[in-house]
PDB file of N, CA and C in Angstrom:
ATOM      1  N   UNK A   1      -5.576 -14.594 -10.859  1.00  0.00           N
ATOM      2  CA  UNK A   1      -5.488 -13.177 -10.574  1.00  0.00           C
ATOM      3  C   UNK A   1      -4.577 -12.985  -9.371  1.00  0.00           C
ATOM      4  N   UNK A   2      -3.639 -12.061  -9.487  1.00  0.00           N
ATOM      5  CA  UNK A   2      -2.722 -11.826  -8.380  1.00  0.00           C
ATOM      6  C   UNK A   2      -3.182 -10.649  -7.541  1.00  0.00           C
ATOM      7  N   UNK A   3      -2.752 -10.645  -6.307  1.00  0.00           N
ATOM      8  CA  UNK A   3      -3.132  -9.555  -5.409  1.00  0.00           C
ATOM      9  C   UNK A   3      -2.358  -8.293  -5.778  1.00  0.00           C
ATOM     10  N   UNK A   4      -3.018  -7.165  -5.660  1.00  0.00           N
ATOM     11  CA  UNK A   4      -2.333  -5.903  -5.900  1.00  0.00           C
ATOM     12  C   UNK A   4      -1.431  -5.621  -4.717  1.00  0.00           C
ATOM     13  N   UNK A   5      -0.225  -5.174  -4.985  1.00  0.00           N
ATOM     14  CA  UNK A   5       0.718  -4.897  -3.907  1.00  0.00           C
ATOM     15  C   UNK A   5       0.832  -3.399  -3.682  1.00  0.00           C
ATOM     16  N   UNK A   6       1.424  -3.062  -2.556  1.00  0.00           N
ATOM     17  CA  UNK A   6       1.610  -1.648  -2.224  1.00  0.00           C
ATOM     18  C   UNK A   6       2.487  -0.961  -3.265  1.00  0.00           C
ATOM     19  N   UNK A   7       3.484  -1.673  -3.786  1.00  0.00           N
ATOM     20  CA  UNK A   7       4.350  -1.092  -4.808  1.00  0.00           C
ATOM     21  C   UNK A   7       3.590  -0.774  -6.079  1.00  0.00           C
ATOM     22  N   UNK A   8       2.690  -1.658  -6.479  1.00  0.00           N
ATOM     23  CA  UNK A   8       1.877  -1.422  -7.673  1.00  0.00           C
ATOM     24  C   UNK A   8       0.990  -0.200  -7.487  1.00  0.00           C
ATOM     25  N   UNK A   9       0.349  -0.117  -6.345  1.00  0.00           N
ATOM     26  CA  UNK A   9      -0.551   1.010  -6.079  1.00  0.00           C
ATOM     27  C   UNK A   9       0.228   2.314  -6.001  1.00  0.00           C
ATOM     28  N   UNK A  10       1.388   2.272  -5.389  1.00  0.00           N
ATOM     29  CA  UNK A  10       2.225   3.468  -5.298  1.00  0.00           C
ATOM     30  C   UNK A  10       2.691   3.941  -6.663  1.00  0.00           C
ATOM     31  N   UNK A  11       3.078   3.000  -7.517  1.00  0.00           N
ATOM     32  CA  UNK A  11       3.518   3.348  -8.874  1.00  0.00           C
ATOM     33  C   UNK A  11       2.364   3.928  -9.683  1.00  0.00           C
ATOM     34  N   UNK A  12       1.190   3.326  -9.553  1.00  0.00           N
ATOM     35  CA  UNK A  12       0.018   3.838 -10.268  1.00  0.00           C
ATOM     36  C   UNK A  12      -0.342   5.238  -9.779  1.00  0.00           C
ATOM     37  N   UNK A  13      -0.261   5.450  -8.469  1.00  0.00           N
ATOM     38  CA  UNK A  13      -0.560   6.770  -7.911  1.00  0.00           C
ATOM     39  C   UNK A  13       0.450   7.809  -8.381  1.00  0.00           C
ATOM     40  N   UNK A  14       1.705   7.404  -8.471  1.00  0.00           N
ATOM     41  CA  UNK A  14       2.746   8.313  -8.945  1.00  0.00           C
ATOM     42  C   UNK A  14       2.462   8.743 -10.385  1.00  0.00           C
ATOM     43  N   UNK A  15       2.130   7.772 -11.227  1.00  0.00           N
ATOM     44  CA  UNK A  15       1.828   8.096 -12.623  1.00  0.00           C
ATOM     45  C   UNK A  15       0.588   8.981 -12.738  1.00  0.00           C
ATOM     46  N   UNK A  16      -0.419   8.669 -11.955  1.00  0.00           N
ATOM     47  CA  UNK A  16      -1.641   9.471 -11.973  1.00  0.00           C
ATOM     48  C   UNK A  16      -1.366  10.895 -11.498  1.00  0.00           C
ATOM     49  N   UNK A  17      -0.550  11.038 -10.475  1.00  0.00           N
ATOM     50  CA  UNK A  17      -0.212  12.371  -9.967  1.00  0.00           C
ATOM     51  C   UNK A  17       0.536  13.175 -11.031  1.00  0.00           C
ATOM     52  N   UNK A  18       1.414  12.510 -11.770  1.00  0.00           N
ATOM     53  CA  UNK A  18       2.137  13.192 -12.847  1.00  0.00           C
ATOM     54  C   UNK A  18       1.201  13.571 -13.988  1.00  0.00           C
ATOM     55  N   UNK A  19       0.295  12.645 -14.343  1.00  0.00           N
ATOM     56  CA  UNK A  19      -0.653  12.933 -15.425  1.00  0.00           C
ATOM     57  C   UNK A  19      -1.578  14.093 -15.078  1.00  0.00           C
ATOM     58  N   UNK A  20      -1.972  14.175 -13.813  1.00  0.00           N
ATOM     59  CA  UNK A  20      -2.861  15.248 -13.369  1.00  0.00           C
ATOM     60  C   UNK A  20      -2.107  16.529 -13.033  1.00  0.00           C
ATOM     61  N   UNK A  21      -0.771  16.457 -13.119  1.00  0.00           N
ATOM     62  CA  UNK A  21       0.080  17.610 -12.840  1.00  0.00           C
ATOM     63  C   UNK A  21      -0.195  18.194 -11.452  1.00  0.00           C
ATOM     64  N   UNK A  22      -0.255  17.309 -10.462  1.00  0.00           N
ATOM     65  CA  UNK A  22      -0.513  17.743  -9.088  1.00  0.00           C
ATOM     66  C   UNK A  22       0.697  18.485  -8.535  1.00  0.00           C
ATOM     67  N   UNK A  23       0.476  19.405  -7.611  1.00  0.00           N
ATOM     68  CA  UNK A  23       1.601  20.051  -6.930  1.00  0.00           C
ATOM     69  C   UNK A  23       2.413  19.003  -6.163  1.00  0.00           C
ATOM     70  N   UNK A  24       3.694  19.258  -5.921  1.00  0.00           N
ATOM     71  CA  UNK A  24       4.556  18.248  -5.286  1.00  0.00           C
ATOM     72  C   UNK A  24       4.022  17.713  -3.956  1.00  0.00           C
ATOM     73  N   UNK A  25       3.514  18.577  -3.097  1.00  0.00           N
ATOM     74  CA  UNK A  25       3.014  18.112  -1.805  1.00  0.00           C
ATOM     75  C   UNK A  25       1.805  17.201  -1.989  1.00  0.00           C
ATOM     76  N   UNK A  26       0.877  17.572  -2.845  1.00  0.00           N
ATOM     77  CA  UNK A  26      -0.301  16.739  -3.103  1.00  0.00           C
ATOM     78  C   UNK A  26       0.109  15.401  -3.717  1.00  0.00           C
ATOM     79  N   UNK A  27       1.065  15.423  -4.630  1.00  0.00           N
ATOM     80  CA  UNK A  27       1.546  14.178  -5.242  1.00  0.00           C
ATOM     81  C   UNK A  27       2.175  13.270  -4.194  1.00  0.00           C
ATOM     82  N   UNK A  28       2.964  13.851  -3.280  1.00  0.00           N
ATOM     83  CA  UNK A  28       3.575  13.045  -2.205  1.00  0.00           C
ATOM     84  C   UNK A  28       2.511  12.393  -1.330  1.00  0.00           C
ATOM     85  N   UNK A  29       1.471  13.125  -1.009  1.00  0.00           N
ATOM     86  CA  UNK A  29       0.396  12.589  -0.162  1.00  0.00           C
ATOM     87  C   UNK A  29      -0.321  11.445  -0.869  1.00  0.00           C
ATOM     88  N   UNK A  30      -0.628  11.629  -2.147  1.00  0.00           N
ATOM     89  CA  UNK A  30      -1.317  10.589  -2.917  1.00  0.00           C
ATOM     90  C   UNK A  30      -0.475   9.318  -2.980  1.00  0.00           C
ATOM     91  N   UNK A  31       0.803   9.463  -3.298  1.00  0.00           N
ATOM     92  CA  UNK A  31       1.691   8.298  -3.402  1.00  0.00           C
ATOM     93  C   UNK A  31       1.854   7.619  -2.049  1.00  0.00           C
ATOM     94  N   UNK A  32       2.006   8.399  -0.996  1.00  0.00           N
ATOM     95  CA  UNK A  32       2.173   7.827   0.332  1.00  0.00           C
ATOM     96  C   UNK A  32       0.955   7.014   0.750  1.00  0.00           C
ATOM     97  N   UNK A  33      -0.234   7.568   0.575  1.00  0.00           N
ATOM     98  CA  UNK A  33      -1.442   6.838   0.955  1.00  0.00           C
ATOM     99  C   UNK A  33      -1.646   5.591   0.108  1.00  0.00           C
ATOM    100  N   UNK A  34      -1.314   5.655  -1.161  1.00  0.00           N
ATOM    101  CA  UNK A  34      -1.482   4.490  -2.038  1.00  0.00           C
ATOM    102  C   UNK A  34      -0.476   3.393  -1.714  1.00  0.00           C
ATOM    103  N   UNK A  35       0.709   3.778  -1.260  1.00  0.00           N
ATOM    104  CA  UNK A  35       1.765   2.801  -1.012  1.00  0.00           C
ATOM    105  C   UNK A  35       1.756   2.230   0.404  1.00  0.00           C
ATOM    106  N   UNK A  36       0.895   2.742   1.254  1.00  0.00           N
ATOM    107  CA  UNK A  36       0.857   2.248   2.630  1.00  0.00           C
ATOM    108  C   UNK A  36       0.420   0.790   2.663  1.00  0.00           C
ATOM    109  N   UNK A  37       0.931   0.043   3.609  1.00  0.00           N
ATOM    110  CA  UNK A  37       0.593  -1.387   3.667  1.00  0.00           C
ATOM    111  C   UNK A  37      -0.854  -1.626   4.107  1.00  0.00           C
ATOM    112  N   UNK A  38      -1.293  -2.849   3.878  1.00  0.00           N
ATOM    113  CA  UNK A  38      -2.632  -3.269   4.275  1.00  0.00           C
ATOM    114  C   UNK A  38      -2.819  -3.068   5.772  1.00  0.00           C
ATOM    115  N   UNK A  39      -3.970  -2.596   6.155  1.00  0.00           N
ATOM    116  CA  UNK A  39      -4.235  -2.344   7.568  1.00  0.00           C
ATOM    117  C   UNK A  39      -4.450  -3.615   8.362  1.00  0.00           C
ATOM    118  N   UNK A  40      -4.099  -3.564   9.612  1.00  0.00           N
ATOM    119  CA  UNK A  40      -4.253  -4.709  10.497  1.00  0.00           C
ATOM    120  C   UNK A  40      -5.722  -5.025  10.726  1.00  0.00           C
ATOM    121  N   UNK A  41      -6.595  -4.035  10.551  1.00  0.00           N
ATOM    122  CA  UNK A  41      -8.012  -4.302  10.782  1.00  0.00           C
ATOM    123  C   UNK A  41      -8.562  -5.346   9.805  1.00  0.00           C
ATOM    124  N   UNK A  42      -7.941  -5.502   8.631  1.00  0.00           N
ATOM    125  CA  UNK A  42      -8.353  -6.575   7.715  1.00  0.00           C
ATOM    126  C   UNK A  42      -8.112  -7.940   8.357  1.00  0.00           C
ATOM    127  N   UNK A  43      -7.002  -8.072   9.060  1.00  0.00           N
ATOM    128  CA  UNK A  43      -6.705  -9.329   9.764  1.00  0.00           C
ATOM    129  C   UNK A  43      -7.701  -9.542  10.905  1.00  0.00           C
ATOM    130  N   UNK A  44      -8.015  -8.488  11.618  1.00  0.00           N
ATOM    131  CA  UNK A  44      -8.963  -8.610  12.731  1.00  0.00           C
ATOM    132  C   UNK A  44     -10.318  -9.104  12.232  1.00  0.00           C
ATOM    133  N   UNK A  45     -10.793  -8.548  11.121  1.00  0.00           N
ATOM    134  CA  UNK A  45     -12.060  -9.011  10.548  1.00  0.00           C
ATOM    135  C   UNK A  45     -11.962 -10.460  10.082  1.00  0.00           C
ATOM    136  N   UNK A  46     -10.850 -10.838   9.478  1.00  0.00           N
ATOM    137  CA  UNK A  46     -10.682 -12.218   9.000  1.00  0.00           C
ATOM    138  C   UNK A  46     -10.737 -13.206  10.163  1.00  0.00           C
ATOM    139  N   UNK A  47     -10.101 -12.865  11.265  1.00  0.00           N
ATOM    140  CA  UNK A  47     -10.120 -13.739  12.436  1.00  0.00           C
ATOM    141  C   UNK A  47     -11.518 -13.765  13.059  1.00  0.00           C
ATOM    142  N   UNK A  48     -12.121 -12.599  13.165  1.00  0.00           N
ATOM    143  CA  UNK A  48     -13.440 -12.512  13.786  1.00  0.00           C
ATOM    144  C   UNK A  48     -14.472 -13.337  13.020  1.00  0.00           C
ATOM    145  N   UNK A  49     -14.413 -13.281  11.702  1.00  0.00           N
ATOM    146  CA  UNK A  49     -15.386 -14.006  10.887  1.00  0.00           C
ATOM    147  C   UNK A  49     -14.868 -15.357  10.407  1.00  0.00           C
ATOM    148  N   UNK A  50     -13.705 -15.749  10.912  1.00  0.00           N
ATOM    149  CA  UNK A  50     -13.087 -17.044  10.615  1.00  0.00           C
ATOM    150  C   UNK A  50     -13.001 -17.293   9.113  1.00  0.00           C
ATOM    151  N   UNK A  51     -12.472 -16.321   8.389  1.00  0.00           N
ATOM    152  CA  UNK A  51     -12.320 -16.406   6.940  1.00  0.00           C
ATOM    153  C   UNK A  51     -10.910 -15.998   6.535  1.00  0.00           C
ATOM    154  N   UNK A  52     -10.157 -16.923   5.999  1.00  0.00           N
ATOM    155  CA  UNK A  52      -8.861 -16.646   5.378  1.00  0.00           C
ATOM    156  C   UNK A  52      -7.892 -15.874   6.269  1.00  0.00           C
ATOM    157  N   UNK A  53      -7.827 -16.208   7.527  1.00  0.00           N
ATOM    158  CA  UNK A  53      -6.943 -15.488   8.450  1.00  0.00           C
ATOM    159  C   UNK A  53      -5.469 -15.629   8.062  1.00  0.00           C
ATOM    160  N   UNK A  54      -5.047 -16.824   7.647  1.00  0.00           N
ATOM    161  CA  UNK A  54      -3.635 -17.009   7.285  1.00  0.00           C
ATOM    162  C   UNK A  54      -3.230 -16.203   6.052  1.00  0.00           C
ATOM    163  N   UNK A  55      -3.981 -16.264   4.948  1.00  0.00           N
ATOM    164  CA  UNK A  55      -3.585 -15.428   3.806  1.00  0.00           C
ATOM    165  C   UNK A  55      -3.617 -13.931   4.111  1.00  0.00           C
ATOM    166  N   UNK A  56      -4.585 -13.503   4.904  1.00  0.00           N
ATOM    167  CA  UNK A  56      -4.670 -12.082   5.238  1.00  0.00           C
ATOM    168  C   UNK A  56      -3.482 -11.668   6.101  1.00  0.00           C
ATOM    169  N   UNK A  57      -3.104 -12.507   7.052  1.00  0.00           N
ATOM    170  CA  UNK A  57      -1.948 -12.162   7.888  1.00  0.00           C
ATOM    171  C   UNK A  57      -0.681 -12.098   7.047  1.00  0.00           C
ATOM    172  N   UNK A  58      -0.565 -12.984   6.066  1.00  0.00           N
ATOM    173  CA  UNK A  58       0.581 -12.937   5.154  1.00  0.00           C
ATOM    174  C   UNK A  58       0.583 -11.673   4.314  1.00  0.00           C
ATOM    175  N   UNK A  59      -0.591 -11.255   3.858  1.00  0.00           N
ATOM    176  CA  UNK A  59      -0.685 -10.033   3.055  1.00  0.00           C
ATOM    177  C   UNK A  59      -0.309  -8.810   3.883  1.00  0.00           C
ATOM    178  N   UNK A  60      -0.741  -8.781   5.132  1.00  0.00           N
ATOM    179  CA  UNK A  60      -0.400  -7.660   6.009  1.00  0.00           C
ATOM    180  C   UNK A  60       1.112  -7.623   6.244  1.00  0.00           C
ATOM    181  N   UNK A  61       1.703  -8.776   6.535  1.00  0.00           N
ATOM    182  CA  UNK A  61       3.153  -8.833   6.790  1.00  0.00           C
ATOM    183  C   UNK A  61       3.943  -8.458   5.532  1.00  0.00           C
ATOM    184  N   UNK A  62       3.563  -9.022   4.398  1.00  0.00           N
ATOM    185  CA  UNK A  62       4.278  -8.733   3.153  1.00  0.00           C
ATOM    186  C   UNK A  62       4.129  -7.266   2.758  1.00  0.00           C
ATOM    187  N   UNK A  63       2.934  -6.737   2.885  1.00  0.00           N
ATOM    188  CA  UNK A  63       2.722  -5.331   2.552  1.00  0.00           C
ATOM    189  C   UNK A  63       3.525  -4.396   3.435  1.00  0.00           C
ATOM    190  N   UNK A  64       3.617  -4.730   4.709  1.00  0.00           N
ATOM    191  CA  UNK A  64       4.398  -3.909   5.638  1.00  0.00           C
ATOM    192  C   UNK A  64       5.877  -3.951   5.290  1.00  0.00           C
ATOM    193  N   UNK A  65       6.385  -5.136   4.986  1.00  0.00           N
ATOM    194  CA  UNK A  65       7.800  -5.261   4.607  1.00  0.00           C
ATOM    195  C   UNK A  65       8.100  -4.515   3.308  1.00  0.00           C
ATOM    196  N   UNK A  66       7.208  -4.673   2.327  1.00  0.00           N
ATOM    197  CA  UNK A  66       7.427  -3.987   1.049  1.00  0.00           C
ATOM    198  C   UNK A  66       7.356  -2.474   1.217  1.00  0.00           C
ATOM    199  N   UNK A  67       6.434  -1.998   2.024  1.00  0.00           N
ATOM    200  CA  UNK A  67       6.331  -0.557   2.246  1.00  0.00           C
ATOM    201  C   UNK A  67       7.576  -0.034   2.957  1.00  0.00           C
ATOM    202  N   UNK A  68       8.073  -0.796   3.925  1.00  0.00           N
ATOM    203  CA  UNK A  68       9.279  -0.388   4.641  1.00  0.00           C
ATOM    204  C   UNK A  68      10.485  -0.326   3.708  1.00  0.00           C
ATOM    205  N   UNK A  69      10.494  -1.203   2.716  1.00  0.00           N
ATOM    206  CA  UNK A  69      11.620  -1.230   1.785  1.00  0.00           C
ATOM    207  C   UNK A  69      11.474  -0.207   0.660  1.00  0.00           C
ATOM    208  N   UNK A  70      10.257   0.070   0.219  1.00  0.00           N
ATOM    209  CA  UNK A  70      10.092   0.926  -0.963  1.00  0.00           C
ATOM    210  C   UNK A  70       9.807   2.390  -0.660  1.00  0.00           C
ATOM    211  N   UNK A  71       9.150   2.694   0.443  1.00  0.00           N
ATOM    212  CA  UNK A  71       8.848   4.100   0.730  1.00  0.00           C
ATOM    213  C   UNK A  71      10.099   4.955   0.892  1.00  0.00           C
ATOM    214  N   UNK A  72      11.136   4.489   1.596  1.00  0.00           N
ATOM    215  CA  UNK A  72      12.350   5.320   1.678  1.00  0.00           C
ATOM    216  C   UNK A  72      13.025   5.500   0.322  1.00  0.00           C
ATOM    217  N   UNK A  73      12.984   4.494  -0.526  1.00  0.00           N
ATOM    218  CA  UNK A  73      13.608   4.579  -1.843  1.00  0.00           C
ATOM    219  C   UNK A  73      12.847   5.558  -2.738  1.00  0.00           C
ATOM    220  N   UNK A  74      11.516   5.592  -2.569  1.00  0.00           N
ATOM    221  CA  UNK A  74      10.695   6.477  -3.390  1.00  0.00           C
ATOM    222  C   UNK A  74      10.883   7.947  -3.012  1.00  0.00           C
ATOM    223  N   UNK A  75      11.568   8.205  -1.921  1.00  0.00           N
ATOM    224  CA  UNK A  75      11.833   9.575  -1.528  1.00  0.00           C
ATOM    225  C   UNK A  75      10.695  10.235  -0.779  1.00  0.00           C
ATOM    226  N   UNK A  76       9.782   9.427  -0.259  1.00  0.00           N
ATOM    227  CA  UNK A  76       8.686   9.991   0.519  1.00  0.00           C
ATOM    228  C   UNK A  76       9.248  10.423   1.859  1.00  0.00           C
ATOM    229  N   UNK A  77       9.010  11.665   2.208  1.00  0.00           N
ATOM    230  CA  UNK A  77       9.606  12.221   3.432  1.00  0.00           C
ATOM    231  C   UNK A  77       8.725  11.967   4.627  1.00  0.00           C
TER     232      UNK A  77
END
């Protein structure tokens, strides 16, 4: 099983917003929140409980890079 990425969640949110016929502002908010990278607090918990700190730090870094690359392309203002 692969980890869900910010791009996948953003694409799913975009499709859902279109299916629900949301107003443009509401659709932008939904897509933006879905596409945001993993929060740093996940890493803090992993370190605190000494569980999978390295994979979590990688997920946070990768999610942040992907969000930085895809959010401007998606036209999120």
